[in-house]
N, C-alpha and C. Protein backbone atom coordinates (compact mmCIF):
# COMPACT_ATOMS: atom_id res chain seq x y z
N MET A 1 30.59 17.78 -9.34
CA MET A 1 30.55 16.87 -10.35
C MET A 1 31.60 17.16 -11.30
N ARG A 2 31.97 16.62 -12.98
CA ARG A 2 32.45 16.05 -13.25
C ARG A 2 32.92 16.91 -14.92
N GLY A 3 34.12 17.49 -15.02
CA GLY A 3 34.17 18.43 -16.52
C GLY A 3 34.03 17.64 -17.61
N PRO A 4 34.75 18.23 -18.53
CA PRO A 4 34.50 17.11 -19.89
C PRO A 4 34.51 15.83 -20.40
N ALA A 5 34.28 14.99 -21.14
CA ALA A 5 34.65 14.29 -21.47
C ALA A 5 36.68 14.56 -22.37
N LYS A 6 37.57 13.38 -22.03
CA LYS A 6 38.58 13.67 -22.24
C LYS A 6 38.86 13.38 -24.11
N GLN A 7 39.36 13.97 -24.85
CA GLN A 7 39.46 13.95 -26.53
C GLN A 7 40.49 12.47 -26.63
N PRO A 8 40.11 11.51 -27.09
CA PRO A 8 40.86 10.18 -27.55
C PRO A 8 42.12 10.82 -28.61
N ARG A 9 43.17 9.89 -28.50
CA ARG A 9 44.44 10.70 -28.67
C ARG A 9 43.97 10.91 -30.53
N HIS A 10 43.81 9.99 -31.21
CA HIS A 10 44.11 10.07 -32.00
C HIS A 10 43.29 12.23 -32.84
N LEU A 11 42.17 11.97 -32.31
CA LEU A 11 41.74 13.78 -32.33
C LEU A 11 43.03 14.60 -31.95
N LYS A 12 43.60 14.69 -30.78
CA LYS A 12 44.47 15.25 -30.45
C LYS A 12 45.94 15.83 -31.24
N SER A 13 46.20 14.41 -32.44
CA SER A 13 46.76 14.45 -32.70
C SER A 13 46.80 14.71 -34.40
N ILE A 14 45.59 14.85 -34.37
CA ILE A 14 44.77 15.49 -35.79
C ILE A 14 44.59 17.47 -35.66
N LYS A 15 44.74 17.89 -34.47
CA LYS A 15 44.59 18.91 -33.89
C LYS A 15 45.79 20.11 -33.91
N GLY A 16 47.12 18.76 -33.46
CA GLY A 16 48.56 19.73 -33.07
C GLY A 16 48.16 19.72 -31.99
N THR A 17 47.38 19.01 -30.83
CA THR A 17 47.19 19.66 -29.86
C THR A 17 48.39 18.44 -28.53
N LEU A 18 48.60 17.33 -29.67
CA LEU A 18 49.05 16.23 -28.36
C LEU A 18 50.37 16.49 -27.86
N ARG A 19 50.91 15.73 -26.39
CA ARG A 19 51.88 16.28 -26.36
C ARG A 19 52.69 14.73 -25.74
N ARG A 20 53.52 14.62 -26.81
CA ARG A 20 54.70 13.56 -26.59
C ARG A 20 54.95 13.00 -25.22
N GLY A 21 55.11 14.03 -24.43
CA GLY A 21 56.14 13.65 -23.29
C GLY A 21 54.60 13.26 -21.86
N ARG A 22 52.97 13.81 -22.87
CA ARG A 22 52.37 12.86 -21.79
C ARG A 22 52.18 11.47 -21.60
N VAL A 23 52.32 10.90 -22.86
CA VAL A 23 51.92 9.52 -23.79
C VAL A 23 52.19 8.98 -23.51
N ALA A 24 52.11 7.46 -23.13
CA ALA A 24 53.04 6.46 -21.90
C ALA A 24 53.61 5.49 -23.46
N PRO A 25 53.95 5.48 -23.74
CA PRO A 25 55.05 4.47 -24.85
C PRO A 25 53.75 3.22 -24.85
N GLU A 26 53.66 3.00 -26.47
CA GLU A 26 53.07 1.84 -26.59
C GLU A 26 53.78 0.56 -26.37
N THR A 27 53.77 -0.76 -25.58
CA THR A 27 54.38 -1.80 -25.77
C THR A 27 54.14 -2.81 -26.46
N PRO A 28 54.49 -3.47 -26.69
CA PRO A 28 54.58 -4.28 -28.08
C PRO A 28 53.97 -5.58 -27.08
N PRO A 29 53.06 -6.36 -28.57
CA PRO A 29 51.92 -6.83 -28.21
C PRO A 29 53.05 -8.50 -27.89
N LEU A 30 52.36 -9.27 -27.33
CA LEU A 30 52.85 -10.45 -27.08
C LEU A 30 52.29 -11.36 -28.34
N PRO A 31 53.78 -12.49 -28.21
CA PRO A 31 53.50 -13.58 -29.22
C PRO A 31 52.04 -14.14 -28.76
N ALA A 32 51.38 -14.68 -29.53
CA ALA A 32 50.58 -15.82 -29.38
C ALA A 32 51.15 -17.58 -29.20
N LEU A 33 51.04 -18.20 -28.22
CA LEU A 33 51.67 -19.59 -27.94
C LEU A 33 51.06 -20.29 -29.00
N GLY A 34 51.69 -20.92 -29.26
CA GLY A 34 51.36 -21.82 -30.62
C GLY A 34 50.60 -23.56 -30.00
N ALA A 35 51.14 -24.16 -28.89
CA ALA A 35 50.47 -25.15 -28.44
C ALA A 35 49.34 -24.54 -26.80
N ALA A 36 48.75 -25.54 -26.86
CA ALA A 36 47.72 -25.43 -25.21
C ALA A 36 49.30 -25.22 -24.16
N PRO A 37 49.49 -24.74 -23.62
CA PRO A 37 50.10 -25.35 -21.75
C PRO A 37 49.62 -26.16 -21.11
N THR A 38 50.83 -26.72 -20.46
CA THR A 38 49.66 -27.56 -19.36
C THR A 38 49.28 -26.64 -17.64
N PRO A 39 48.29 -27.78 -17.85
CA PRO A 39 48.06 -27.15 -15.78
C PRO A 39 49.08 -26.39 -14.89
N PRO A 40 49.02 -25.41 -14.33
CA PRO A 40 50.42 -25.82 -13.73
C PRO A 40 50.21 -26.93 -12.00
N ARG A 41 51.60 -27.53 -11.50
CA ARG A 41 51.11 -28.05 -10.75
C ARG A 41 50.19 -27.76 -9.33
N TRP A 42 49.88 -26.13 -9.23
CA TRP A 42 50.02 -25.53 -8.27
C TRP A 42 47.73 -25.57 -7.79
N LEU A 43 46.82 -26.23 -9.58
CA LEU A 43 45.77 -26.55 -9.29
C LEU A 43 45.86 -27.76 -9.16
N THR A 44 44.75 -28.60 -8.45
CA THR A 44 44.66 -29.13 -7.78
C THR A 44 43.55 -29.69 -7.74
N ASN A 45 42.48 -28.96 -7.71
CA ASN A 45 40.85 -29.45 -8.39
C ASN A 45 41.15 -29.83 -9.13
N ALA A 46 40.63 -30.68 -8.82
CA ALA A 46 40.09 -31.62 -10.52
C ALA A 46 39.20 -30.84 -11.74
N ASP A 47 37.87 -30.17 -11.22
CA ASP A 47 36.90 -29.61 -12.03
C ASP A 47 38.29 -28.45 -12.21
N ALA A 48 38.51 -27.68 -11.39
CA ALA A 48 39.45 -26.35 -12.44
C ALA A 48 40.54 -27.14 -13.08
N VAL A 49 41.25 -28.46 -13.25
CA VAL A 49 42.02 -28.81 -14.81
C VAL A 49 41.28 -29.49 -15.39
N ARG A 50 40.07 -29.65 -15.64
CA ARG A 50 39.24 -30.25 -16.47
C ARG A 50 38.61 -28.94 -17.32
N GLU A 51 38.49 -27.94 -16.27
CA GLU A 51 38.52 -26.19 -17.14
C GLU A 51 39.55 -25.95 -17.99
N TRP A 52 41.16 -25.88 -17.22
CA TRP A 52 41.97 -25.90 -18.33
C TRP A 52 42.08 -26.79 -19.08
N GLN A 53 42.54 -27.66 -19.02
CA GLN A 53 42.22 -28.56 -19.96
C GLN A 53 40.66 -28.40 -21.01
N ARG A 54 40.32 -27.67 -20.77
CA ARG A 54 38.46 -27.24 -22.25
C ARG A 54 38.98 -25.86 -22.91
N LEU A 55 39.87 -24.86 -21.85
CA LEU A 55 39.30 -23.27 -21.88
C LEU A 55 40.87 -23.10 -22.80
N ALA A 56 41.97 -24.19 -22.63
CA ALA A 56 43.75 -23.99 -23.32
C ALA A 56 43.99 -24.08 -24.16
N PRO A 57 42.71 -25.49 -25.18
CA PRO A 57 43.74 -25.89 -26.20
C PRO A 57 42.44 -24.63 -27.41
N ILE A 58 40.81 -23.64 -26.69
CA ILE A 58 40.12 -22.84 -27.40
C ILE A 58 40.66 -21.76 -27.34
N LEU A 59 41.64 -21.37 -26.38
CA LEU A 59 42.13 -20.43 -26.44
C LEU A 59 43.64 -19.83 -27.01
N THR A 60 44.33 -21.23 -27.04
CA THR A 60 45.83 -20.92 -28.08
C THR A 60 44.90 -21.58 -29.47
N ALA A 61 43.53 -21.60 -30.06
CA ALA A 61 43.33 -22.04 -30.95
C ALA A 61 42.82 -20.11 -32.05
N ASN A 62 42.61 -19.78 -31.12
CA ASN A 62 41.64 -18.78 -31.09
C ASN A 62 43.18 -17.76 -31.06
N ARG A 63 44.04 -17.82 -31.26
CA ARG A 63 45.03 -16.35 -30.38
C ARG A 63 44.76 -15.74 -29.77
N LEU A 64 44.42 -16.73 -28.62
CA LEU A 64 43.95 -15.08 -27.16
C LEU A 64 44.63 -15.74 -26.16
N LEU A 65 45.98 -16.15 -26.22
CA LEU A 65 46.80 -17.35 -25.58
C LEU A 65 47.08 -16.80 -25.61
N HIS A 66 48.40 -15.86 -24.72
CA HIS A 66 49.89 -16.10 -24.28
C HIS A 66 50.74 -15.46 -22.91
N ALA A 67 52.05 -14.83 -23.00
CA ALA A 67 53.08 -15.69 -22.45
C ALA A 67 52.29 -14.56 -21.60
N GLY A 68 52.10 -13.39 -21.51
CA GLY A 68 51.48 -12.49 -20.13
C GLY A 68 49.97 -13.32 -19.83
N ASN A 69 49.33 -13.78 -20.46
CA ASN A 69 47.90 -14.64 -19.37
C ASN A 69 47.80 -16.25 -19.04
N VAL A 70 48.28 -16.31 -18.98
CA VAL A 70 48.35 -17.88 -19.10
C VAL A 70 48.24 -17.84 -17.07
N GLY A 71 48.79 -16.97 -16.24
CA GLY A 71 48.47 -16.89 -15.41
C GLY A 71 46.95 -16.80 -15.11
N LEU A 72 46.25 -16.37 -15.88
CA LEU A 72 45.54 -15.35 -15.32
C LEU A 72 44.61 -16.83 -15.98
N LEU A 73 44.80 -17.87 -17.05
CA LEU A 73 43.97 -18.52 -17.01
C LEU A 73 44.01 -19.56 -15.63
N ALA A 74 44.97 -19.21 -15.49
CA ALA A 74 44.93 -20.17 -13.65
C ALA A 74 43.84 -19.98 -12.87
N GLN A 75 43.52 -18.37 -12.70
CA GLN A 75 43.02 -18.25 -11.69
C GLN A 75 41.54 -18.43 -12.01
N LEU A 76 41.34 -18.68 -13.39
CA LEU A 76 40.37 -18.72 -13.97
C LEU A 76 39.96 -19.90 -13.89
N ALA A 77 40.89 -20.57 -13.93
CA ALA A 77 40.64 -22.26 -13.49
C ALA A 77 40.23 -22.80 -12.43
N ALA A 78 41.04 -21.71 -11.33
CA ALA A 78 40.49 -21.74 -9.78
C ALA A 78 39.78 -21.68 -9.06
N VAL A 79 39.49 -20.45 -9.45
CA VAL A 79 38.14 -19.80 -9.26
C VAL A 79 36.68 -21.09 -9.84
N HIS A 80 37.20 -21.62 -11.16
CA HIS A 80 36.12 -22.52 -11.52
C HIS A 80 35.39 -23.68 -10.45
N GLY A 81 37.17 -24.01 -10.63
CA GLY A 81 37.11 -25.02 -9.90
C GLY A 81 36.31 -24.79 -8.12
N ARG A 82 36.63 -23.38 -7.44
CA ARG A 82 35.93 -23.69 -6.13
C ARG A 82 34.30 -23.22 -6.35
N LEU A 83 34.14 -23.22 -7.47
CA LEU A 83 32.50 -22.18 -7.65
C LEU A 83 32.09 -23.77 -8.01
N VAL A 84 32.36 -24.63 -8.76
CA VAL A 84 31.63 -26.02 -8.61
C VAL A 84 31.49 -26.70 -7.49
N GLU A 85 32.86 -25.94 -6.00
CA GLU A 85 32.68 -27.44 -5.20
C GLU A 85 31.69 -26.46 -4.41
N ILE A 86 31.07 -25.37 -4.00
CA ILE A 86 30.31 -24.58 -3.62
C ILE A 86 29.08 -25.40 -4.05
N TRP A 87 28.83 -24.66 -5.70
CA TRP A 87 27.22 -25.36 -6.41
C TRP A 87 27.09 -27.38 -5.74
N THR A 88 27.87 -28.11 -5.94
CA THR A 88 27.61 -29.47 -6.13
C THR A 88 27.62 -29.29 -4.31
N THR A 89 27.57 -28.38 -2.64
CA THR A 89 27.28 -28.53 -2.06
C THR A 89 26.33 -28.55 -1.53
N GLY A 90 25.50 -27.28 -3.14
CA GLY A 90 24.11 -26.69 -2.48
C GLY A 90 23.80 -25.31 -1.85
N ALA A 91 25.28 -24.86 -1.72
CA ALA A 91 25.12 -23.46 -1.25
C ALA A 91 25.66 -22.36 -2.58
N LYS A 92 25.28 -20.67 -1.88
CA LYS A 92 24.96 -20.40 -2.88
C LYS A 92 26.62 -19.65 -2.63
N PRO A 93 26.98 -18.77 -4.51
CA PRO A 93 28.66 -18.46 -4.44
C PRO A 93 28.10 -16.97 -3.46
N ASN A 94 29.14 -16.46 -3.20
CA ASN A 94 29.21 -14.37 -2.52
C ASN A 94 29.09 -14.21 -4.24
N ALA A 95 28.68 -12.79 -4.20
CA ALA A 95 29.01 -12.35 -5.28
C ALA A 95 30.35 -11.78 -5.33
N ALA A 96 30.92 -11.64 -4.84
CA ALA A 96 32.13 -11.39 -5.13
C ALA A 96 33.22 -12.82 -6.10
N LEU A 97 33.11 -13.59 -5.70
CA LEU A 97 33.46 -14.87 -6.19
C LEU A 97 33.00 -14.45 -7.70
N VAL A 98 31.99 -14.62 -8.27
CA VAL A 98 31.47 -14.37 -8.92
C VAL A 98 31.51 -13.46 -9.96
N ALA A 99 31.76 -12.15 -9.48
CA ALA A 99 31.99 -10.91 -10.15
C ALA A 99 33.75 -11.23 -10.16
N THR A 100 34.74 -12.12 -9.73
CA THR A 100 35.78 -12.39 -9.85
C THR A 100 36.21 -13.01 -11.03
N TYR A 101 34.64 -14.17 -11.08
CA TYR A 101 34.75 -15.14 -12.20
C TYR A 101 34.56 -14.60 -13.86
N ARG A 102 33.76 -13.81 -13.37
CA ARG A 102 33.04 -13.03 -15.15
C ARG A 102 33.98 -12.32 -15.17
N ARG A 103 35.29 -11.02 -14.47
CA ARG A 103 35.63 -10.73 -14.84
C ARG A 103 36.81 -11.01 -15.66
N LEU A 104 37.18 -12.72 -15.08
CA LEU A 104 38.76 -13.05 -15.30
C LEU A 104 38.56 -13.53 -16.62
N LEU A 105 37.39 -13.91 -16.78
CA LEU A 105 36.34 -14.94 -18.34
C LEU A 105 36.64 -13.50 -19.31
N ASN A 106 36.12 -11.89 -18.82
CA ASN A 106 35.99 -10.52 -19.76
C ASN A 106 37.67 -10.28 -20.27
N SER A 107 38.24 -10.77 -18.84
CA SER A 107 40.11 -10.43 -19.59
C SER A 107 40.66 -11.45 -20.74
N LEU A 108 39.84 -12.79 -20.23
CA LEU A 108 40.56 -13.22 -21.55
C LEU A 108 40.15 -13.14 -22.35
N GLY A 109 39.07 -12.74 -22.90
CA GLY A 109 37.97 -12.43 -24.33
C GLY A 109 36.91 -13.57 -24.14
N LEU A 110 36.73 -14.02 -22.97
CA LEU A 110 35.82 -15.20 -23.37
C LEU A 110 34.35 -15.15 -23.15
N LEU A 111 34.31 -13.57 -22.30
CA LEU A 111 32.78 -12.47 -21.98
C LEU A 111 32.48 -11.58 -22.65
N GLY A 112 31.93 -11.78 -24.05
CA GLY A 112 31.93 -10.44 -24.86
C GLY A 112 29.94 -10.21 -25.30
N TRP A 113 30.03 -9.29 -25.49
CA TRP A 113 28.55 -8.27 -25.51
C TRP A 113 28.12 -9.80 -26.98
N HIS A 114 26.87 -9.80 -25.89
CA HIS A 114 26.23 -10.95 -26.81
C HIS A 114 24.26 -9.84 -27.62
N PRO A 115 24.44 -9.94 -28.66
CA PRO A 115 22.86 -9.10 -29.24
C PRO A 115 21.86 -10.60 -28.53
N PRO A 116 20.80 -9.26 -28.38
CA PRO A 116 19.87 -10.21 -27.51
C PRO A 116 18.94 -11.21 -28.60
N ALA A 117 18.72 -12.41 -27.73
CA ALA A 117 18.09 -13.55 -28.69
C ALA A 117 17.64 -13.34 -29.48
N ALA A 118 16.00 -12.70 -29.04
CA ALA A 118 14.73 -12.48 -29.26
C ALA A 118 14.46 -10.86 -29.08
N ALA A 119 13.06 -10.96 -29.67
CA ALA A 119 12.42 -9.27 -29.20
C ALA A 119 11.21 -9.93 -28.08
N PRO A 120 11.24 -9.13 -27.36
CA PRO A 120 10.32 -10.17 -25.69
C PRO A 120 9.17 -10.00 -26.35
N ALA A 121 8.54 -10.75 -25.62
CA ALA A 121 7.25 -11.07 -25.94
C ALA A 121 6.07 -9.76 -25.16
N ALA A 122 4.90 -9.82 -26.50
CA ALA A 122 4.25 -8.85 -26.20
C ALA A 122 3.68 -9.24 -24.74
N ALA A 123 3.45 -7.49 -24.13
CA ALA A 123 2.86 -7.41 -22.82
C ALA A 123 1.30 -8.31 -22.72
N PRO A 124 0.72 -8.17 -21.76
CA PRO A 124 -0.50 -9.11 -21.57
C PRO A 124 -0.90 -8.12 -21.58
N ALA A 125 -2.98 -8.22 -22.10
CA ALA A 125 -3.35 -7.69 -22.45
C ALA A 125 -3.69 -7.11 -20.73
N ASN A 126 -4.00 -5.49 -21.41
CA ASN A 126 -4.70 -4.91 -19.40
C ASN A 126 -5.70 -5.10 -19.41
N LYS A 127 -5.85 -6.21 -18.29
CA LYS A 127 -7.89 -6.61 -17.44
C LYS A 127 -8.31 -5.51 -16.98
N PHE A 128 -7.53 -4.12 -16.59
CA PHE A 128 -7.74 -2.67 -16.02
C PHE A 128 -8.31 -1.53 -17.29
N ALA A 129 -7.98 -1.92 -18.36
CA ALA A 129 -8.23 -0.87 -19.71
C ALA A 129 -9.85 0.23 -19.60
N ARG A 130 -10.78 -1.36 -19.56
CA ARG A 130 -11.97 -0.85 -19.83
C ARG A 130 -12.27 0.40 -18.97
N ASN A 131 -11.70 0.37 -17.26
CA ASN A 131 -12.12 1.44 -16.30
C ASN A 131 -11.71 2.52 -16.74
N ALA A 132 -10.43 2.80 -17.81
CA ALA A 132 -10.00 4.23 -17.78
C ALA A 132 -10.56 5.12 -18.43
N ALA A 133 -11.03 6.81 -18.24
CA ALA A 133 -11.55 7.56 -18.80
C ALA A 133 -11.11 7.51 -20.39
N PRO A 134 -12.38 7.35 -21.46
CA PRO A 134 -11.82 7.82 -22.44
C PRO A 134 -10.94 9.52 -22.41
N ARG A 135 -10.21 9.27 -23.75
CA ARG A 135 -9.20 10.73 -23.59
C ARG A 135 -10.30 11.75 -24.19
N LYS A 136 -9.41 13.15 -24.15
CA LYS A 136 -10.28 14.32 -24.18
C LYS A 136 -9.51 14.20 -26.01
N GLY A 137 -10.23 14.49 -26.60
CA GLY A 137 -9.79 15.17 -27.93
C GLY A 137 -10.28 13.77 -28.89
N THR A 138 -10.36 11.75 -28.87
CA THR A 138 -10.62 11.22 -29.89
C THR A 138 -12.01 10.59 -29.97
């Protein structure tokens, strides 16, 4: 059985129970890249290179790409290229590859939560409703 949830750091600080020795120091944020980098030489799949050329400008324009996650973008492009290869042959990718692709998208800030597009349609009428016994008291 799990214990109680841990208190957030800011609440511990307010209460005076925050122990500085146990808190990891915060690292300074990396500055965003000013221009889209070129794809690495090892990225040879044409679909992967096209995905790099599509995403790199988007990520730099939104200041999401920095020196620390350029490798993630390369891995994302490589996995995308592999998925395209699998899909063009008519095969189905395994769940691990799709999950890796989604995790990489999420790590780069490209897979966010979106609200549902519309309310679900009304359920069809129950064709057995006339067979139900009447409720007591109504």
